[in-house]
Amino acid sequence: MRKSTRYSLLIALALIAALALAILLRKAAPPEAARLLPESDAIVYVNLKPLRLATHFDRARIARSPDYQHFVDATGIVPERDLDVAAFALHRMDDPTGPNGPVGYSEVFEGRFDGTRLAGYLATIATAEESYDGHKIFTIPVGEPDPKTHAVRELRVAQLDYDSIAASNMPTTEQIHSILDRHRAAASPFSGSSLLSARYHDVPLLASAWAIGHIGLPFSDRGYISILGMRLPLPEDTTFVASLRYVSALHLRIEEISPSEADAAQSAEALTNLLGLYRSIQQGQPTFPADVAFRSLIASLKIDHHKDRTVLTGTIPLDLLKQITAAPSSAPPR
């Protein structure tokens, strides 16, 4: 009797340990939306739930364009209210002058969607449909034809599950097919692209928004990164790990990974000089109430150099976050 009780206890303890290990591995794994993304040059992930809770941006009045309003009326989806997670894969385009420009995108969205209404809406605006692995893929033309090539940018959209949607504006079906393939095998907590496997461990724990890879791609300007009209002393293919994490405040961290320690030291010096120059220019400008939060962010920025990495940290005031999320938007959800 004692031996039987001992075996039962050991089995129970083993099951509890296995369950605890599974939960621990799942928490350490990348979010599922990011794991579904195809191979890419960069990944951007945003969990909107903490942001919505902190800023209440879903309560702000938004001036919607007629197309956007039609989307909301037809599907019942209010993105600022119903979208919880967004994950983007950025693809460097071989022809930067093509319909996609220099960067193509593949996306996975999670939230609360009415699949039947969404499928009905997509069917009315799609120019083609494809069935793949039990999912229907809708091809939707976006924007006007290119004046030179007459090529039209296309967006492919597929509903993965009752709470998730995939999309890609890449020229071929390879990326949207890859997302559907990964969705079928999504049980593994460590599945995902090679970039995710290589860099996700650098993302700080509990980060609600993060980006890894060559995230300078959307800001490329003749081979360099340009933000708000200011060219940074960094090539566009610089590897970054950027994150936003809310503890007692919203903490920004951007880590640049350089080929060598010497390159990192040079980059840290250049960025420190650039930040100092910007601060000196800023001091000579009048301060308006709307600028207080932004100036607080600039004042909090700090640049450090650790071996082959340059790290920029700062604190984003909640008022600045509210200003950004309260900005009206009239763009349709394409």
C-alpha atoms as a PDB file:
ATOM      1  CA  MET A   1       0.000   0.000   0.000  1.00  0.00           C
ATOM      2  CA  ARG A   2       2.820   2.389   0.951  1.00  0.00           C
ATOM      3  CA  LYS A   3       4.727   1.496  -2.203  1.00  0.00           C
ATOM      4  CA  SER A   4       1.645   2.172  -4.346  1.00  0.00           C
ATOM      5  CA  THR A   5       1.085   5.536  -2.602  1.00  0.00           C
ATOM      6  CA  ARG A   6       4.756   6.442  -3.118  1.00  0.00           C
ATOM      7  CA  TYR A   7       4.581   5.634  -6.842  1.00  0.00           C
ATOM      8  CA  SER A   8       1.383   7.663  -7.197  1.00  0.00           C
ATOM      9  CA  LEU A   9       3.043  10.602  -5.459  1.00  0.00           C
ATOM     10  CA  LEU A  10       6.130  10.366  -7.682  1.00  0.00           C
ATOM     11  CA  ILE A  11       3.959  10.240 -10.808  1.00  0.00           C
ATOM     12  CA  ALA A  12       1.973  13.264  -9.619  1.00  0.00           C
ATOM     13  CA  LEU A  13       5.179  15.203  -8.874  1.00  0.00           C
ATOM     14  CA  ALA A  14       6.592  14.290 -12.285  1.00  0.00           C
ATOM     15  CA  LEU A  15       3.423  15.499 -14.017  1.00  0.00           C
ATOM     16  CA  ILE A  16       3.500  18.779 -12.060  1.00  0.00           C
ATOM     17  CA  ALA A  17       7.176  19.281 -12.932  1.00  0.00           C
ATOM     18  CA  ALA A  18       6.491  18.579 -16.611  1.00  0.00           C
ATOM     19  CA  LEU A  19       3.585  21.014 -16.600  1.00  0.00           C
ATOM     20  CA  ALA A  20       5.676  23.703 -14.880  1.00  0.00           C
ATOM     21  CA  LEU A  21       8.476  23.187 -17.416  1.00  0.00           C
ATOM     22  CA  ALA A  22       6.018  23.441 -20.318  1.00  0.00           C
ATOM     23  CA  ILE A  23       4.611  26.703 -18.930  1.00  0.00           C
ATOM     24  CA  LEU A  24       8.128  28.078 -18.396  1.00  0.00           C
ATOM     25  CA  LEU A  25       9.171  27.184 -21.942  1.00  0.00           C
ATOM     26  CA  ARG A  26       6.010  28.720 -23.350  1.00  0.00           C
ATOM     27  CA  LYS A  27       6.654  31.987 -21.487  1.00  0.00           C
ATOM     28  CA  ALA A  28      10.254  32.094 -22.731  1.00  0.00           C
ATOM     29  CA  ALA A  29       9.157  31.424 -26.307  1.00  0.00           C
ATOM     30  CA  PRO A  30       8.394  34.183 -28.813  1.00  0.00           C
ATOM     31  CA  PRO A  31       4.716  35.192 -29.107  1.00  0.00           C
ATOM     32  CA  GLU A  32       2.745  33.041 -31.529  1.00  0.00           C
ATOM     33  CA  ALA A  33       1.995  35.913 -33.915  1.00  0.00           C
ATOM     34  CA  ALA A  34       5.749  36.486 -34.349  1.00  0.00           C
ATOM     35  CA  ARG A  35       6.431  32.755 -34.742  1.00  0.00           C
ATOM     36  CA  LEU A  36       4.020  32.607 -37.693  1.00  0.00           C
ATOM     37  CA  LEU A  37       5.902  35.244 -39.713  1.00  0.00           C
ATOM     38  CA  PRO A  38       7.951  34.108 -42.742  1.00  0.00           C
ATOM     39  CA  GLU A  39      11.670  34.630 -43.284  1.00  0.00           C
ATOM     40  CA  SER A  40      12.451  38.345 -43.351  1.00  0.00           C
ATOM     41  CA  ASP A  41      15.035  41.079 -42.800  1.00  0.00           C
ATOM     42  CA  ALA A  42      13.294  42.478 -39.710  1.00  0.00           C
ATOM     43  CA  ILE A  43      10.397  41.771 -37.354  1.00  0.00           C
ATOM     44  CA  VAL A  44       8.244  44.271 -35.464  1.00  0.00           C
ATOM     45  CA  TYR A  45       5.846  43.098 -32.740  1.00  0.00           C
ATOM     46  CA  VAL A  46       3.309  45.143 -30.766  1.00  0.00           C
ATOM     47  CA  ASN A  47       0.977  44.016 -27.983  1.00  0.00           C
ATOM     48  CA  LEU A  48      -1.677  46.746 -27.999  1.00  0.00           C
ATOM     49  CA  LYS A  49      -3.481  45.670 -24.830  1.00  0.00           C
ATOM     50  CA  PRO A  50      -1.101  47.407 -22.343  1.00  0.00           C
ATOM     51  CA  LEU A  51      -0.996  50.479 -24.595  1.00  0.00           C
ATOM     52  CA  ARG A  52      -4.811  50.584 -24.773  1.00  0.00           C
ATOM     53  CA  LEU A  53      -5.032  50.214 -20.987  1.00  0.00           C
ATOM     54  CA  ALA A  54      -2.505  53.011 -20.372  1.00  0.00           C
ATOM     55  CA  THR A  55      -3.737  55.564 -22.911  1.00  0.00           C
ATOM     56  CA  HIS A  56      -7.371  54.583 -23.633  1.00  0.00           C
ATOM     57  CA  PHE A  57      -6.705  55.383 -27.292  1.00  0.00           C
ATOM     58  CA  ASP A  58      -9.716  53.249 -28.224  1.00  0.00           C
ATOM     59  CA  ARG A  59     -11.965  55.943 -26.759  1.00  0.00           C
ATOM     60  CA  ALA A  60     -10.564  58.724 -28.932  1.00  0.00           C
ATOM     61  CA  ARG A  61     -12.696  60.026 -31.776  1.00  0.00           C
ATOM     62  CA  ILE A  62     -11.158  59.206 -35.127  1.00  0.00           C
ATOM     63  CA  ALA A  63     -12.050  60.879 -38.410  1.00  0.00           C
ATOM     64  CA  ARG A  64     -12.424  57.915 -40.746  1.00  0.00           C
ATOM     65  CA  SER A  65     -12.222  58.036 -44.518  1.00  0.00           C
ATOM     66  CA  PRO A  66     -15.254  56.669 -46.434  1.00  0.00           C
ATOM     67  CA  ASP A  67     -13.338  53.445 -47.280  1.00  0.00           C
ATOM     68  CA  TYR A  68     -12.301  52.966 -43.660  1.00  0.00           C
ATOM     69  CA  GLN A  69     -15.857  53.555 -42.430  1.00  0.00           C
ATOM     70  CA  HIS A  70     -17.175  51.081 -45.006  1.00  0.00           C
ATOM     71  CA  PHE A  71     -14.709  48.487 -43.697  1.00  0.00           C
ATOM     72  CA  VAL A  72     -15.901  49.059 -40.115  1.00  0.00           C
ATOM     73  CA  ASP A  73     -19.577  48.914 -41.092  1.00  0.00           C
ATOM     74  CA  ALA A  74     -19.174  45.786 -43.244  1.00  0.00           C
ATOM     75  CA  THR A  75     -17.007  43.737 -40.876  1.00  0.00           C
ATOM     76  CA  GLY A  76     -17.940  45.078 -37.452  1.00  0.00           C
ATOM     77  CA  ILE A  77     -14.204  45.374 -36.736  1.00  0.00           C
ATOM     78  CA  VAL A  78     -13.085  48.572 -35.019  1.00  0.00           C
ATOM     79  CA  PRO A  79      -9.270  48.185 -35.122  1.00  0.00           C
ATOM     80  CA  GLU A  80      -8.515  50.579 -32.266  1.00  0.00           C
ATOM     81  CA  ARG A  81     -10.937  48.565 -30.092  1.00  0.00           C
ATOM     82  CA  ASP A  82     -10.659  45.003 -31.423  1.00  0.00           C
ATOM     83  CA  LEU A  83      -7.000  44.616 -32.451  1.00  0.00           C
ATOM     84  CA  ASP A  84      -4.845  43.166 -29.645  1.00  0.00           C
ATOM     85  CA  VAL A  85      -1.586  42.054 -31.294  1.00  0.00           C
ATOM     86  CA  ALA A  86       0.193  42.967 -34.526  1.00  0.00           C
ATOM     87  CA  ALA A  87       3.357  41.315 -35.863  1.00  0.00           C
ATOM     88  CA  PHE A  88       5.121  42.499 -39.021  1.00  0.00           C
ATOM     89  CA  ALA A  89       7.844  40.935 -41.149  1.00  0.00           C
ATOM     90  CA  LEU A  90       9.835  43.446 -43.248  1.00  0.00           C
ATOM     91  CA  HIS A  91      11.271  42.207 -46.545  1.00  0.00           C
ATOM     92  CA  ARG A  92      13.940  44.069 -48.489  1.00  0.00           C
ATOM     93  CA  MET A  93      12.744  44.317 -52.102  1.00  0.00           C
ATOM     94  CA  ASP A  94      15.148  43.492 -54.949  1.00  0.00           C
ATOM     95  CA  ASP A  95      13.685  46.363 -56.977  1.00  0.00           C
ATOM     96  CA  PRO A  96      13.186  49.403 -54.693  1.00  0.00           C
ATOM     97  CA  THR A  97      11.434  51.264 -57.524  1.00  0.00           C
ATOM     98  CA  GLY A  98       8.721  48.594 -57.912  1.00  0.00           C
ATOM     99  CA  PRO A  99       5.107  48.793 -56.663  1.00  0.00           C
ATOM    100  CA  ASN A 100       6.155  47.821 -53.113  1.00  0.00           C
ATOM    101  CA  GLY A 101       8.946  50.363 -52.859  1.00  0.00           C
ATOM    102  CA  PRO A 102      12.110  49.367 -50.960  1.00  0.00           C
ATOM    103  CA  VAL A 103      10.274  47.295 -48.331  1.00  0.00           C
ATOM    104  CA  GLY A 104       7.528  44.672 -48.490  1.00  0.00           C
ATOM    105  CA  TYR A 105       5.459  43.530 -45.517  1.00  0.00           C
ATOM    106  CA  SER A 106       3.866  40.369 -44.146  1.00  0.00           C
ATOM    107  CA  GLU A 107       1.599  40.652 -41.109  1.00  0.00           C
ATOM    108  CA  VAL A 108      -0.253  38.630 -38.512  1.00  0.00           C
ATOM    109  CA  PHE A 109      -3.027  40.254 -36.471  1.00  0.00           C
ATOM    110  CA  GLU A 110      -4.770  38.893 -33.386  1.00  0.00           C
ATOM    111  CA  GLY A 111      -7.982  40.223 -31.878  1.00  0.00           C
ATOM    112  CA  ARG A 112     -11.744  39.887 -31.954  1.00  0.00           C
ATOM    113  CA  PHE A 113     -13.034  39.321 -35.484  1.00  0.00           C
ATOM    114  CA  ASP A 114     -16.296  38.136 -37.012  1.00  0.00           C
ATOM    115  CA  GLY A 115     -14.940  35.660 -39.556  1.00  0.00           C
ATOM    116  CA  THR A 116     -18.133  35.396 -41.593  1.00  0.00           C
ATOM    117  CA  ARG A 117     -18.565  39.157 -42.007  1.00  0.00           C
ATOM    118  CA  LEU A 118     -14.854  39.634 -42.726  1.00  0.00           C
ATOM    119  CA  ALA A 119     -14.843  36.926 -45.421  1.00  0.00           C
ATOM    120  CA  GLY A 120     -17.934  38.482 -47.000  1.00  0.00           C
ATOM    121  CA  TYR A 121     -16.294  41.898 -47.107  1.00  0.00           C
ATOM    122  CA  LEU A 122     -13.026  40.564 -48.541  1.00  0.00           C
ATOM    123  CA  ALA A 123     -14.927  38.671 -51.253  1.00  0.00           C
ATOM    124  CA  THR A 124     -16.525  41.927 -52.449  1.00  0.00           C
ATOM    125  CA  ILE A 125     -13.198  43.738 -52.939  1.00  0.00           C
ATOM    126  CA  ALA A 126     -10.953  40.820 -54.014  1.00  0.00           C
ATOM    127  CA  THR A 127      -9.902  40.335 -57.624  1.00  0.00           C
ATOM    128  CA  ALA A 128      -8.861  36.708 -57.045  1.00  0.00           C
ATOM    129  CA  GLU A 129      -9.272  33.904 -54.508  1.00  0.00           C
ATOM    130  CA  GLU A 130      -7.110  30.874 -53.773  1.00  0.00           C
ATOM    131  CA  SER A 131      -7.608  27.895 -51.500  1.00  0.00           C
ATOM    132  CA  TYR A 132      -4.492  26.738 -49.648  1.00  0.00           C
ATOM    133  CA  ASP A 133      -4.302  24.217 -46.799  1.00  0.00           C
ATOM    134  CA  GLY A 134      -7.971  24.646 -46.021  1.00  0.00           C
ATOM    135  CA  HIS A 135      -7.786  28.450 -45.935  1.00  0.00           C
ATOM    136  CA  LYS A 136      -9.104  30.929 -48.470  1.00  0.00           C
ATOM    137  CA  ILE A 137      -6.639  33.597 -49.615  1.00  0.00           C
ATOM    138  CA  PHE A 138      -8.112  36.818 -51.013  1.00  0.00           C
ATOM    139  CA  THR A 139      -6.033  38.979 -53.389  1.00  0.00           C
ATOM    140  CA  ILE A 140      -6.911  42.673 -53.111  1.00  0.00           C
ATOM    141  CA  PRO A 141      -5.524  45.507 -55.289  1.00  0.00           C
ATOM    142  CA  VAL A 142      -4.154  48.413 -53.233  1.00  0.00           C
ATOM    143  CA  GLY A 143      -3.577  51.939 -54.481  1.00  0.00           C
ATOM    144  CA  GLU A 144      -3.252  53.188 -58.038  1.00  0.00           C
ATOM    145  CA  PRO A 145      -1.280  51.458 -60.841  1.00  0.00           C
ATOM    146  CA  ASP A 146       2.369  52.456 -61.173  1.00  0.00           C
ATOM    147  CA  PRO A 147       2.535  55.187 -63.856  1.00  0.00           C
ATOM    148  CA  LYS A 148       5.623  53.634 -65.468  1.00  0.00           C
ATOM    149  CA  THR A 149       5.043  49.893 -65.249  1.00  0.00           C
ATOM    150  CA  HIS A 150       1.248  49.944 -64.714  1.00  0.00           C
ATOM    151  CA  ALA A 151       1.823  47.313 -62.028  1.00  0.00           C
ATOM    152  CA  VAL A 152      -0.668  47.273 -59.163  1.00  0.00           C
ATOM    153  CA  ARG A 153       0.345  46.562 -55.578  1.00  0.00           C
ATOM    154  CA  GLU A 154      -1.592  43.570 -54.254  1.00  0.00           C
ATOM    155  CA  LEU A 155      -2.432  42.504 -50.719  1.00  0.00           C
ATOM    156  CA  ARG A 156      -3.151  38.856 -49.928  1.00  0.00           C
ATOM    157  CA  VAL A 157      -5.323  38.225 -46.864  1.00  0.00           C
ATOM    158  CA  ALA A 158      -6.267  34.956 -45.129  1.00  0.00           C
ATOM    159  CA  GLN A 159      -8.092  34.229 -41.899  1.00  0.00           C
ATOM    160  CA  LEU A 160      -5.996  31.827 -39.826  1.00  0.00           C
ATOM    161  CA  ASP A 161      -8.409  31.231 -36.978  1.00  0.00           C
ATOM    162  CA  TYR A 162     -11.363  32.837 -35.262  1.00  0.00           C
ATOM    163  CA  ASP A 163      -9.032  35.397 -33.645  1.00  0.00           C
ATOM    164  CA  SER A 164      -6.173  35.800 -36.151  1.00  0.00           C
ATOM    165  CA  ILE A 165      -5.623  37.165 -39.663  1.00  0.00           C
ATOM    166  CA  ALA A 166      -2.586  37.025 -41.956  1.00  0.00           C
ATOM    167  CA  ALA A 167      -1.683  39.363 -44.812  1.00  0.00           C
ATOM    168  CA  SER A 168       1.211  40.019 -47.181  1.00  0.00           C
ATOM    169  CA  ASN A 169       1.825  42.533 -49.963  1.00  0.00           C
ATOM    170  CA  MET A 170       4.743  40.589 -51.437  1.00  0.00           C
ATOM    171  CA  PRO A 171       4.647  39.933 -55.228  1.00  0.00           C
ATOM    172  CA  THR A 172       4.312  36.140 -54.868  1.00  0.00           C
ATOM    173  CA  THR A 173       2.297  33.808 -52.629  1.00  0.00           C
ATOM    174  CA  GLU A 174       5.424  32.404 -50.951  1.00  0.00           C
ATOM    175  CA  GLN A 175       5.116  34.510 -47.776  1.00  0.00           C
ATOM    176  CA  ILE A 176       1.382  34.034 -47.162  1.00  0.00           C
ATOM    177  CA  HIS A 177       1.792  30.290 -47.803  1.00  0.00           C
ATOM    178  CA  SER A 178       4.652  30.198 -45.295  1.00  0.00           C
ATOM    179  CA  ILE A 179       2.449  31.811 -42.631  1.00  0.00           C
ATOM    180  CA  LEU A 180      -0.262  29.208 -43.235  1.00  0.00           C
ATOM    181  CA  ASP A 181       2.316  26.396 -43.085  1.00  0.00           C
ATOM    182  CA  ARG A 182       3.684  27.725 -39.789  1.00  0.00           C
ATOM    183  CA  HIS A 183       0.142  28.062 -38.436  1.00  0.00           C
ATOM    184  CA  ARG A 184      -0.443  24.369 -39.080  1.00  0.00           C
ATOM    185  CA  ALA A 185       2.707  23.523 -37.055  1.00  0.00           C
ATOM    186  CA  ALA A 186       2.370  26.274 -34.440  1.00  0.00           C
ATOM    187  CA  ALA A 187       2.259  23.911 -31.446  1.00  0.00           C
ATOM    188  CA  SER A 188       6.042  24.144 -31.055  1.00  0.00           C
ATOM    189  CA  PRO A 189       6.883  27.108 -28.796  1.00  0.00           C
ATOM    190  CA  PHE A 190      10.243  27.602 -30.499  1.00  0.00           C
ATOM    191  CA  SER A 191       9.177  27.472 -34.126  1.00  0.00           C
ATOM    192  CA  GLY A 192       9.630  30.573 -36.259  1.00  0.00           C
ATOM    193  CA  SER A 193      11.986  32.242 -38.695  1.00  0.00           C
ATOM    194  CA  SER A 194      15.773  32.101 -38.491  1.00  0.00           C
ATOM    195  CA  LEU A 195      15.879  35.787 -37.488  1.00  0.00           C
ATOM    196  CA  LEU A 196      13.500  35.156 -34.590  1.00  0.00           C
ATOM    197  CA  SER A 197      15.574  32.190 -33.425  1.00  0.00           C
ATOM    198  CA  ALA A 198      18.793  34.188 -33.627  1.00  0.00           C
ATOM    199  CA  ARG A 199      17.683  37.429 -31.942  1.00  0.00           C
ATOM    200  CA  TYR A 200      14.588  36.951 -29.787  1.00  0.00           C
ATOM    201  CA  HIS A 201      16.718  36.028 -26.756  1.00  0.00           C
ATOM    202  CA  ASP A 202      18.036  39.630 -26.833  1.00  0.00           C
ATOM    203  CA  VAL A 203      14.529  41.067 -26.340  1.00  0.00           C
ATOM    204  CA  PRO A 204      14.038  42.169 -22.689  1.00  0.00           C
ATOM    205  CA  LEU A 205      11.576  40.158 -20.633  1.00  0.00           C
ATOM    206  CA  LEU A 206       8.013  41.581 -20.503  1.00  0.00           C
ATOM    207  CA  ALA A 207       8.569  43.928 -23.454  1.00  0.00           C
ATOM    208  CA  SER A 208       5.144  44.799 -24.893  1.00  0.00           C
ATOM    209  CA  ALA A 209       6.609  46.078 -28.165  1.00  0.00           C
ATOM    210  CA  TRP A 210       9.877  45.113 -29.831  1.00  0.00           C
ATOM    211  CA  ALA A 211      11.701  44.969 -33.130  1.00  0.00           C
ATOM    212  CA  ILE A 212      14.702  42.955 -34.295  1.00  0.00           C
ATOM    213  CA  GLY A 213      16.819  42.852 -37.436  1.00  0.00           C
ATOM    214  CA  HIS A 214      17.493  45.552 -40.013  1.00  0.00           C
ATOM    215  CA  ILE A 215      14.768  47.843 -38.711  1.00  0.00           C
ATOM    216  CA  GLY A 216      16.326  50.796 -40.506  1.00  0.00           C
ATOM    217  CA  LEU A 217      14.725  49.523 -43.719  1.00  0.00           C
ATOM    218  CA  PRO A 218      11.581  51.703 -43.572  1.00  0.00           C
ATOM    219  CA  PHE A 219      13.786  54.727 -42.877  1.00  0.00           C
ATOM    220  CA  SER A 220      16.381  54.079 -45.587  1.00  0.00           C
ATOM    221  CA  ASP A 221      17.794  57.075 -47.398  1.00  0.00           C
ATOM    222  CA  ARG A 222      20.549  56.322 -49.935  1.00  0.00           C
ATOM    223  CA  GLY A 223      21.964  53.517 -47.825  1.00  0.00           C
ATOM    224  CA  TYR A 224      21.610  55.261 -44.465  1.00  0.00           C
ATOM    225  CA  ILE A 225      18.903  55.667 -41.821  1.00  0.00           C
ATOM    226  CA  SER A 226      16.974  58.930 -41.865  1.00  0.00           C
ATOM    227  CA  ILE A 227      14.398  59.773 -39.164  1.00  0.00           C
ATOM    228  CA  LEU A 228      12.377  63.008 -39.125  1.00  0.00           C
ATOM    229  CA  GLY A 229      14.657  64.400 -41.805  1.00  0.00           C
ATOM    230  CA  MET A 230      17.809  63.681 -39.768  1.00  0.00           C
ATOM    231  CA  ARG A 231      20.344  61.218 -41.156  1.00  0.00           C
ATOM    232  CA  LEU A 232      21.870  58.963 -38.509  1.00  0.00           C
ATOM    233  CA  PRO A 233      25.517  57.858 -38.790  1.00  0.00           C
ATOM    234  CA  LEU A 234      24.394  54.258 -39.309  1.00  0.00           C
ATOM    235  CA  PRO A 235      24.097  52.163 -42.480  1.00  0.00           C
ATOM    236  CA  GLU A 236      20.592  50.869 -43.297  1.00  0.00           C
ATOM    237  CA  ASP A 237      21.595  47.227 -42.765  1.00  0.00           C
ATOM    238  CA  THR A 238      22.644  47.820 -39.145  1.00  0.00           C
ATOM    239  CA  THR A 239      21.177  45.139 -36.863  1.00  0.00           C
ATOM    240  CA  PHE A 240      19.045  46.422 -33.988  1.00  0.00           C
ATOM    241  CA  VAL A 241      17.088  45.042 -31.057  1.00  0.00           C
ATOM    242  CA  ALA A 242      14.583  47.691 -29.939  1.00  0.00           C
ATOM    243  CA  SER A 243      11.978  47.366 -27.206  1.00  0.00           C
ATOM    244  CA  LEU A 244       9.369  49.178 -25.132  1.00  0.00           C
ATOM    245  CA  ARG A 245       8.660  47.874 -21.644  1.00  0.00           C
ATOM    246  CA  TYR A 246       6.291  49.308 -19.068  1.00  0.00           C
ATOM    247  CA  VAL A 247       7.234  48.857 -15.417  1.00  0.00           C
ATOM    248  CA  SER A 248       6.696  52.054 -13.417  1.00  0.00           C
ATOM    249  CA  ALA A 249       7.215  54.026 -16.629  1.00  0.00           C
ATOM    250  CA  LEU A 250       7.579  53.248 -20.328  1.00  0.00           C
ATOM    251  CA  HIS A 251      11.215  52.347 -20.932  1.00  0.00           C
ATOM    252  CA  LEU A 252      12.765  52.566 -24.389  1.00  0.00           C
ATOM    253  CA  ARG A 253      15.823  50.484 -25.244  1.00  0.00           C
ATOM    254  CA  ILE A 254      17.529  50.326 -28.647  1.00  0.00           C
ATOM    255  CA  GLU A 255      20.555  48.069 -28.997  1.00  0.00           C
ATOM    256  CA  GLU A 256      22.784  48.303 -32.061  1.00  0.00           C
ATOM    257  CA  ILE A 257      24.865  45.204 -32.817  1.00  0.00           C
ATOM    258  CA  SER A 258      28.115  46.081 -34.625  1.00  0.00           C
ATOM    259  CA  PRO A 259      30.593  43.834 -36.447  1.00  0.00           C
ATOM    260  CA  SER A 260      33.335  44.641 -33.869  1.00  0.00           C
ATOM    261  CA  GLU A 261      34.006  46.485 -30.610  1.00  0.00           C
ATOM    262  CA  ALA A 262      35.792  49.243 -32.526  1.00  0.00           C
ATOM    263  CA  ASP A 263      32.770  49.769 -34.760  1.00  0.00           C
ATOM    264  CA  ALA A 264      30.510  49.902 -31.708  1.00  0.00           C
ATOM    265  CA  ALA A 265      32.750  52.473 -29.992  1.00  0.00           C
ATOM    266  CA  GLN A 266      32.767  54.619 -33.122  1.00  0.00           C
ATOM    267  CA  SER A 267      28.998  54.375 -33.428  1.00  0.00           C
ATOM    268  CA  ALA A 268      28.473  55.274 -29.751  1.00  0.00           C
ATOM    269  CA  GLU A 269      30.684  58.347 -30.121  1.00  0.00           C
ATOM    270  CA  ALA A 270      28.906  59.487 -33.299  1.00  0.00           C
ATOM    271  CA  LEU A 271      25.446  59.043 -31.777  1.00  0.00           C
ATOM    272  CA  THR A 272      26.499  60.815 -28.556  1.00  0.00           C
ATOM    273  CA  ASN A 273      27.766  63.786 -30.575  1.00  0.00           C
ATOM    274  CA  LEU A 274      24.581  63.842 -32.654  1.00  0.00           C
ATOM    275  CA  LEU A 275      22.392  63.742 -29.530  1.00  0.00           C
ATOM    276  CA  GLY A 276      24.428  66.529 -27.940  1.00  0.00           C
ATOM    277  CA  LEU A 277      24.075  68.651 -31.075  1.00  0.00           C
ATOM    278  CA  TYR A 278      20.305  68.094 -31.159  1.00  0.00           C
ATOM    279  CA  ARG A 279      19.990  69.029 -27.465  1.00  0.00           C
ATOM    280  CA  SER A 280      21.969  72.247 -27.962  1.00  0.00           C
ATOM    281  CA  ILE A 281      19.747  73.234 -30.899  1.00  0.00           C
ATOM    282  CA  GLN A 282      16.652  72.367 -28.885  1.00  0.00           C
ATOM    283  CA  GLN A 283      17.727  74.622 -26.013  1.00  0.00           C
ATOM    284  CA  GLY A 284      17.685  77.626 -28.294  1.00  0.00           C
ATOM    285  CA  GLN A 285      14.087  77.012 -29.366  1.00  0.00           C
ATOM    286  CA  PRO A 286      10.966  78.266 -27.539  1.00  0.00           C
ATOM    287  CA  THR A 287       9.128  75.675 -25.472  1.00  0.00           C
ATOM    288  CA  PHE A 288       5.442  75.075 -26.167  1.00  0.00           C
ATOM    289  CA  PRO A 289       3.150  73.025 -23.886  1.00  0.00           C
ATOM    290  CA  ALA A 290       2.857  70.260 -26.481  1.00  0.00           C
ATOM    291  CA  ASP A 291       6.677  69.961 -26.590  1.00  0.00           C
ATOM    292  CA  VAL A 292       7.235  69.385 -22.864  1.00  0.00           C
ATOM    293  CA  ALA A 293       6.771  65.607 -22.987  1.00  0.00           C
ATOM    294  CA  PHE A 294       8.997  65.241 -26.069  1.00  0.00           C
ATOM    295  CA  ARG A 295      11.739  67.319 -24.473  1.00  0.00           C
ATOM    296  CA  SER A 296      11.502  65.145 -21.388  1.00  0.00           C
ATOM    297  CA  LEU A 297      12.124  62.091 -23.581  1.00  0.00           C
ATOM    298  CA  ILE A 298      15.163  63.720 -25.227  1.00  0.00           C
ATOM    299  CA  ALA A 299      16.555  64.702 -21.812  1.00  0.00           C
ATOM    300  CA  SER A 300      16.250  61.104 -20.585  1.00  0.00           C
ATOM    301  CA  LEU A 301      18.161  59.539 -23.491  1.00  0.00           C
ATOM    302  CA  LYS A 302      21.468  57.892 -22.628  1.00  0.00           C
ATOM    303  CA  ILE A 303      23.977  56.132 -24.874  1.00  0.00           C
ATOM    304  CA  ASP A 304      26.327  53.399 -23.595  1.00  0.00           C
ATOM    305  CA  HIS A 305      28.903  51.158 -25.255  1.00  0.00           C
ATOM    306  CA  HIS A 306      29.306  47.490 -24.232  1.00  0.00           C
ATOM    307  CA  LYS A 307      31.763  45.442 -26.304  1.00  0.00           C
ATOM    308  CA  ASP A 308      30.220  45.102 -29.787  1.00  0.00           C
ATOM    309  CA  ARG A 309      26.960  46.817 -28.813  1.00  0.00           C
ATOM    310  CA  THR A 310      25.780  50.395 -28.551  1.00  0.00           C
ATOM    311  CA  VAL A 311      22.749  50.824 -26.283  1.00  0.00           C
ATOM    312  CA  LEU A 312      20.392  53.802 -26.237  1.00  0.00           C
ATOM    313  CA  THR A 313      17.941  53.971 -23.319  1.00  0.00           C
ATOM    314  CA  GLY A 314      15.311  56.489 -22.333  1.00  0.00           C
ATOM    315  CA  THR A 315      11.945  56.999 -20.679  1.00  0.00           C
ATOM    316  CA  ILE A 316       8.873  57.885 -22.735  1.00  0.00           C
ATOM    317  CA  PRO A 317       6.441  60.104 -20.773  1.00  0.00           C
ATOM    318  CA  LEU A 318       2.886  58.821 -20.728  1.00  0.00           C
ATOM    319  CA  ASP A 319       1.691  62.243 -21.941  1.00  0.00           C
ATOM    320  CA  LEU A 320       3.775  61.859 -25.098  1.00  0.00           C
ATOM    321  CA  LEU A 321       2.339  58.393 -25.680  1.00  0.00           C
ATOM    322  CA  LYS A 322      -1.178  59.778 -25.320  1.00  0.00           C
ATOM    323  CA  GLN A 323      -0.370  62.552 -27.796  1.00  0.00           C
ATOM    324  CA  ILE A 324       0.828  60.010 -30.353  1.00  0.00           C
ATOM    325  CA  THR A 325      -2.076  57.582 -29.941  1.00  0.00           C
ATOM    326  CA  ALA A 326      -4.642  60.386 -29.919  1.00  0.00           C
ATOM    327  CA  ALA A 327      -3.568  61.573 -33.389  1.00  0.00           C
ATOM    328  CA  PRO A 328      -6.545  61.307 -35.776  1.00  0.00           C
ATOM    329  CA  SER A 329      -6.299  58.813 -38.601  1.00  0.00           C
ATOM    330  CA  SER A 330      -8.390  58.602 -41.733  1.00  0.00           C
ATOM    331  CA  ALA A 331      -6.438  55.931 -43.602  1.00  0.00           C
ATOM    332  CA  PRO A 332      -8.322  52.786 -44.605  1.00  0.00           C
ATOM    333  CA  PRO A 333      -7.063  49.530 -42.983  1.00  0.00           C
ATOM    334  CA  ARG A 334      -4.935  48.348 -45.916  1.00  0.00           C
END
